[in-house]
Protein backbone atom coordinates (compact mmCIF):
# COMPACT_ATOMS: atom_id res chain seq x y z
CA MET A 1 -6.79 4.04 35.57
CA SER A 2 -9.31 1.95 33.30
CA PHE A 3 -10.56 4.00 29.90
CA ASP A 4 -13.26 3.85 27.64
CA TRP A 5 -10.92 3.84 24.44
CA VAL A 6 -12.25 5.55 21.03
CA ARG A 7 -10.01 4.81 17.65
CA LEU A 8 -7.97 7.98 16.92
CA ALA A 9 -6.98 7.51 13.61
CA SER A 10 -5.79 4.24 11.67
CA TYR A 11 -1.31 4.14 9.70
CA ASP A 12 -0.43 2.74 7.09
CA LEU A 13 2.94 2.50 8.75
CA GLY A 14 4.32 1.95 12.51
CA VAL A 15 6.95 5.05 12.15
CA THR A 16 4.22 7.20 11.90
CA ALA A 17 1.75 6.18 14.13
CA ARG A 18 4.64 6.47 16.60
CA LEU A 19 5.15 10.25 16.00
CA ALA A 20 1.53 11.14 16.48
CA GLN A 21 1.43 8.80 19.81
CA SER A 22 4.69 10.94 21.61
CA VAL A 23 2.61 14.50 20.25
CA LEU A 24 -0.45 13.18 22.26
CA GLU A 25 1.20 11.86 25.72
CA ALA A 26 3.64 14.85 25.54
CA SER A 27 0.66 16.48 25.66
CA GLY A 28 -0.64 14.31 28.63
CA ILE A 29 -2.77 12.54 26.33
CA PRO A 30 -2.76 8.84 27.31
CA THR A 31 -2.92 6.83 23.93
CA ARG A 32 -2.26 3.00 23.21
CA LEU A 33 -1.02 1.82 19.53
CA GLU A 34 -2.82 -1.34 17.66
CA GLY A 35 -1.53 -3.59 15.68
CA GLU A 36 2.08 -2.87 15.55
CA HIS A 37 3.38 -5.70 15.48
CA VAL A 38 1.12 -7.28 12.57
CA ASN A 39 2.90 -4.03 10.62
CA GLN A 40 6.32 -4.17 11.72
CA THR A 41 6.51 -8.31 10.54
CA LEU A 42 4.24 -7.68 7.60
CA PRO A 43 5.07 -3.55 6.10
CA HIS A 44 4.55 -4.57 2.65
CA LEU A 45 0.33 -4.81 3.26
CA GLY A 46 -0.30 -1.52 3.82
CA GLN A 47 -3.57 -1.11 4.78
CA ALA A 48 -4.24 -4.71 6.03
CA ALA A 49 -1.84 -4.59 8.33
CA SER A 50 -2.22 -0.86 9.50
CA VAL A 51 -2.05 0.48 12.96
CA ASP A 52 -4.88 2.17 14.84
CA LEU A 53 -4.26 4.61 17.61
CA SER A 54 -6.50 4.67 20.66
CA VAL A 55 -7.66 7.47 23.05
CA PRO A 56 -10.31 8.15 26.57
CA ALA A 57 -13.17 8.58 24.77
CA ASP A 58 -12.63 12.11 27.24
CA ARG A 59 -10.14 12.80 25.85
CA ALA A 60 -10.42 12.12 21.70
CA ASP A 61 -12.02 15.65 20.97
CA GLU A 62 -8.68 17.26 22.64
CA ALA A 63 -6.66 14.34 20.78
CA ARG A 64 -8.21 15.10 17.28
CA THR A 65 -7.93 18.46 17.20
CA LEU A 66 -4.15 18.37 18.34
CA LEU A 67 -3.15 15.73 15.70
CA GLN A 68 -5.15 17.95 13.41
CA SER A 69 -3.53 21.55 13.79
CA ILE A 70 0.35 19.94 13.60
CA ALA A 71 -0.87 17.30 10.13
CA VAL A 72 0.11 18.70 7.05
CA THR A 73 -2.88 18.04 4.47
CA ASP A 74 -0.44 16.77 1.23
CA ASN A 75 1.77 14.50 3.84
CA PRO A 76 0.89 10.78 2.09
CA LEU A 77 1.61 9.69 5.43
CA ALA A 78 -0.81 11.54 7.68
CA ALA A 79 -4.07 9.82 9.48
CA THR A 80 -6.91 8.79 7.69
CA PRO A 81 -10.57 9.94 8.80
CA THR A 82 -12.51 7.54 11.78
CA LEU A 83 -14.93 5.49 10.36
CA SER A 84 -17.98 5.08 11.25
CA ALA A 85 -18.92 1.34 12.20
CA ARG A 86 -20.53 0.04 8.98
CA GLU A 87 -17.63 1.08 6.85
CA GLU A 88 -15.59 0.01 9.13
CA ALA A 89 -16.60 -3.42 9.06
CA LEU A 90 -16.39 -3.26 5.29
CA GLN A 91 -12.43 -1.98 6.09
CA ARG A 92 -11.95 -4.65 8.03
CA ALA A 93 -13.87 -7.96 5.91
CA TYR A 94 -11.75 -5.97 2.82
CA ARG A 95 -8.32 -6.63 4.64
CA ASN A 96 -8.90 -9.89 5.79
CA SER A 97 -10.37 -10.92 1.59
CA TRP A 98 -7.30 -9.33 1.52
CA LEU A 99 -5.37 -11.77 3.78
CA GLY A 100 -7.04 -15.19 3.03
CA LEU A 101 -6.29 -14.61 -0.16
CA LEU A 102 -2.54 -14.01 0.34
CA LEU A 103 -1.26 -16.57 3.93
CA ILE A 104 -3.97 -17.90 5.48
CA PRO A 105 -7.39 -18.32 3.75
CA LEU A 106 -9.90 -20.98 5.58
CA VAL A 107 -9.31 -18.75 8.80
CA CYS A 108 -8.88 -15.19 6.96
CA SER A 109 -11.80 -15.97 4.24
CA LEU A 110 -14.05 -16.49 7.84
CA ILE A 111 -13.49 -13.68 9.62
CA SER A 112 -13.87 -11.31 6.28
CA LEU A 113 -16.97 -13.13 6.20
CA TRP A 114 -18.39 -12.40 9.36
CA HIS A 115 -17.36 -8.53 9.32
CA LEU A 116 -19.33 -8.48 5.65
CA SER A 117 -22.65 -9.67 7.35
CA ARG A 118 -22.30 -7.17 9.86
CA TYR A 119 -21.56 -4.75 6.94
CA VAL A 120 -24.90 -5.76 5.54
CA GLY A 121 -27.02 -5.93 8.64
CA LEU A 122 -25.59 -2.15 10.03
CA CYS A 123 -26.15 -1.12 6.21
CA ARG A 124 -30.39 -2.37 6.48
CA ARG A 125 -30.28 -1.07 9.97
CA GLU A 126 -29.40 2.08 8.80
CA GLY A 127 -31.25 1.57 5.20
CA VAL A 128 -28.48 2.25 3.26
CA PRO A 129 -27.63 0.38 0.76
CA ALA A 130 -25.16 -2.59 1.34
CA TRP A 131 -23.90 -3.68 -2.24
CA ASN A 132 -20.82 -1.72 -3.31
CA LYS A 133 -17.91 -2.57 -5.57
CA LYS A 134 -15.22 -2.51 -2.09
CA ALA A 135 -18.46 -5.28 -0.23
CA LEU A 136 -18.71 -7.13 -3.86
CA ALA A 137 -15.33 -7.06 -4.04
CA THR A 138 -14.79 -8.88 -1.11
CA LEU A 139 -16.80 -11.32 -1.29
CA GLY A 140 -15.44 -12.18 -4.72
CA LEU A 141 -12.04 -12.31 -2.73
CA ASN A 142 -13.19 -14.38 -0.12
CA ALA A 143 -14.41 -16.85 -3.25
CA LEU A 144 -11.63 -17.06 -4.37
CA GLY A 145 -9.32 -18.01 -1.44
CA LEU A 146 -11.72 -20.49 -0.58
CA LEU A 147 -11.88 -21.53 -4.10
CA GLY A 148 -8.22 -21.70 -3.57
CA VAL A 149 -8.34 -24.40 -0.39
CA TYR A 150 -10.68 -26.14 -1.92
CA TYR A 151 -8.66 -26.94 -5.10
CA LEU A 152 -4.86 -27.54 -2.66
CA LEU A 153 -7.13 -29.97 -0.71
CA ALA A 154 -8.39 -31.55 -3.89
CA GLY A 155 -5.05 -32.27 -4.98
CA PHE A 156 -3.53 -33.29 -1.75
CA GLN A 157 -6.30 -35.36 -2.40
CA GLU A 158 -5.67 -37.15 -5.79
CA ALA A 159 -1.31 -37.25 -5.12
CA ARG A 160 -2.30 -39.37 -1.43
CA GLY A 161 -4.16 -41.80 -4.45
CA PHE A 162 -1.94 -41.70 -6.25
CA MET A 163 1.07 -42.72 -4.57
CA GLU A 164 -1.59 -45.10 -2.99
CA VAL A 165 -1.54 -46.61 -6.93
CA LEU A 166 2.41 -46.58 -6.79
CA GLU A 167 2.75 -48.35 -3.53
CA ASN A 168 1.21 -50.86 -4.82
CA SER A 169 2.73 -51.85 -8.04
């Protein structure tokens, strides 16, 4: 059976996402988790490796009501609210900029810049100012990541030249 899936919530911990998934599936609502493997592999990344819980679009209101009825408001593991497309684009850009700075600078920074450009486009379309603190921080993190790649490549080039000088002497 094919469903039109919508993201219901994001969780910082995979175990919390699986708990919410089990509650929904016990009530007969199909679910799907995305990002669980990254979260298990790199749990120290927190928001950058969140687990998304998706449900069929026609059951989203029922699932949201069910999860809200059992959620404890002061629970630090409670789900983050569903974001608009604009906010989600900025969140993904921010996450990828941190991943780019920490793990794979070139690839993640380029992905982050793509999400950031998507966010700016959605802001322009909605008539909302685009350059808030988070967007500027994302841009700065991407600049640091790409600058790091440049210096790394320059360092390799310098070391290669030094090795050639040693070989010729």
